[in-house]
Amino acid sequence: RHLFGFIIEVTKPHPYKKYQSHTRQEILIKSIVKLFLLSFDFYELLPKLLYCNLTYFLYLCSL
């Protein structure tokens, strides 16, 4: 789906403003999680999220 490409683009870290974008990314990740929870496709998206993006999301959380 195009949704994950959009999420990766939006939450991509910017090295030249790492500390500023960290807060922005946290807010985005929280709103994205809310979006998934409210989505009718949540149970369809969840396996894709876990298998394709879990490592990337863990990387983002460790920034």
C-alpha atoms as a PDB file:
ATOM      1  CA  ARG A   1       0.000   0.000   0.000  1.00  0.00           C
ATOM      2  CA  HIS A   2       0.991   3.587  -0.558  1.00  0.00           C
ATOM      3  CA  LEU A   3       0.304   4.383   3.100  1.00  0.00           C
ATOM      4  CA  PHE A   4       3.586   2.873   4.301  1.00  0.00           C
ATOM      5  CA  GLY A   5       5.612   4.755   1.699  1.00  0.00           C
ATOM      6  CA  PHE A   6       3.985   7.946   2.938  1.00  0.00           C
ATOM      7  CA  ILE A   7       4.673   7.083   6.591  1.00  0.00           C
ATOM      8  CA  ILE A   8       8.350   6.352   5.875  1.00  0.00           C
ATOM      9  CA  GLU A   9       8.714   9.644   3.956  1.00  0.00           C
ATOM     10  CA  VAL A  10       6.997  11.645   6.705  1.00  0.00           C
ATOM     11  CA  THR A  11       8.891  10.033   9.595  1.00  0.00           C
ATOM     12  CA  LYS A  12      12.278   9.885   7.839  1.00  0.00           C
ATOM     13  CA  PRO A  13      14.922  11.316  10.190  1.00  0.00           C
ATOM     14  CA  HIS A  14      16.657  14.553   9.214  1.00  0.00           C
ATOM     15  CA  PRO A  15      20.287  14.339  10.435  1.00  0.00           C
ATOM     16  CA  TYR A  16      20.872  18.102  10.191  1.00  0.00           C
ATOM     17  CA  LYS A  17      18.053  18.758  12.683  1.00  0.00           C
ATOM     18  CA  LYS A  18      18.046  15.519  14.671  1.00  0.00           C
ATOM     19  CA  TYR A  19      16.955  16.953  18.005  1.00  0.00           C
ATOM     20  CA  GLN A  20      14.179  19.092  16.517  1.00  0.00           C
ATOM     21  CA  SER A  21      12.749  16.318  14.339  1.00  0.00           C
ATOM     22  CA  HIS A  22      12.788  13.794  17.214  1.00  0.00           C
ATOM     23  CA  THR A  23       9.850  15.491  18.944  1.00  0.00           C
ATOM     24  CA  ARG A  24       8.055  15.882  15.615  1.00  0.00           C
ATOM     25  CA  GLN A  25       8.569  12.183  14.869  1.00  0.00           C
ATOM     26  CA  GLU A  26       7.234  11.150  18.290  1.00  0.00           C
ATOM     27  CA  ILE A  27       4.065  13.179  17.681  1.00  0.00           C
ATOM     28  CA  LEU A  28       3.716  11.701  14.187  1.00  0.00           C
ATOM     29  CA  ILE A  29       4.240   8.125  15.388  1.00  0.00           C
ATOM     30  CA  LYS A  30       1.605   8.600  18.107  1.00  0.00           C
ATOM     31  CA  SER A  31      -0.889  10.020  15.607  1.00  0.00           C
ATOM     32  CA  ILE A  32      -0.085   7.214  13.134  1.00  0.00           C
ATOM     33  CA  VAL A  33      -0.712   4.613  15.863  1.00  0.00           C
ATOM     34  CA  LYS A  34      -4.056   6.287  16.611  1.00  0.00           C
ATOM     35  CA  LEU A  35      -4.831   6.200  12.878  1.00  0.00           C
ATOM     36  CA  PHE A  36      -4.096   2.462  12.761  1.00  0.00           C
ATOM     37  CA  LEU A  37      -6.267   1.809  15.821  1.00  0.00           C
ATOM     38  CA  LEU A  38      -9.168   3.707  14.243  1.00  0.00           C
ATOM     39  CA  SER A  39      -8.648   2.159  10.813  1.00  0.00           C
ATOM     40  CA  PHE A  40     -11.013  -0.500   9.487  1.00  0.00           C
ATOM     41  CA  ASP A  41      -7.969  -2.085   7.840  1.00  0.00           C
ATOM     42  CA  PHE A  42      -6.076  -2.351  11.148  1.00  0.00           C
ATOM     43  CA  TYR A  43      -5.999  -6.142  11.257  1.00  0.00           C
ATOM     44  CA  GLU A  44      -4.977  -6.239   7.601  1.00  0.00           C
ATOM     45  CA  LEU A  45      -2.245  -3.636   8.110  1.00  0.00           C
ATOM     46  CA  LEU A  46      -0.892  -5.015  11.383  1.00  0.00           C
ATOM     47  CA  PRO A  47       0.972  -8.034   9.926  1.00  0.00           C
ATOM     48  CA  LYS A  48       2.494  -5.809   7.233  1.00  0.00           C
ATOM     49  CA  LEU A  49       3.515  -3.294   9.872  1.00  0.00           C
ATOM     50  CA  LEU A  50       5.094  -5.945  12.072  1.00  0.00           C
ATOM     51  CA  TYR A  51       7.003  -7.778   9.354  1.00  0.00           C
ATOM     52  CA  CYS A  52       7.989  -4.839   7.124  1.00  0.00           C
ATOM     53  CA  ASN A  53       8.414  -1.887   9.460  1.00  0.00           C
ATOM     54  CA  LEU A  54       9.016  -3.140  13.014  1.00  0.00           C
ATOM     55  CA  THR A  55      12.793  -2.769  12.699  1.00  0.00           C
ATOM     56  CA  TYR A  56      12.441   0.718  11.235  1.00  0.00           C
ATOM     57  CA  PHE A  57      10.025   1.830  13.967  1.00  0.00           C
ATOM     58  CA  LEU A  58      12.368   0.465  16.652  1.00  0.00           C
ATOM     59  CA  TYR A  59      15.173   2.444  15.009  1.00  0.00           C
ATOM     60  CA  LEU A  60      13.037   5.597  15.117  1.00  0.00           C
ATOM     61  CA  CYS A  61      12.173   5.030  18.775  1.00  0.00           C
ATOM     62  CA  SER A  62      15.859   4.667  19.650  1.00  0.00           C
ATOM     63  CA  LEU A  63      16.786   8.076  18.161  1.00  0.00           C
END
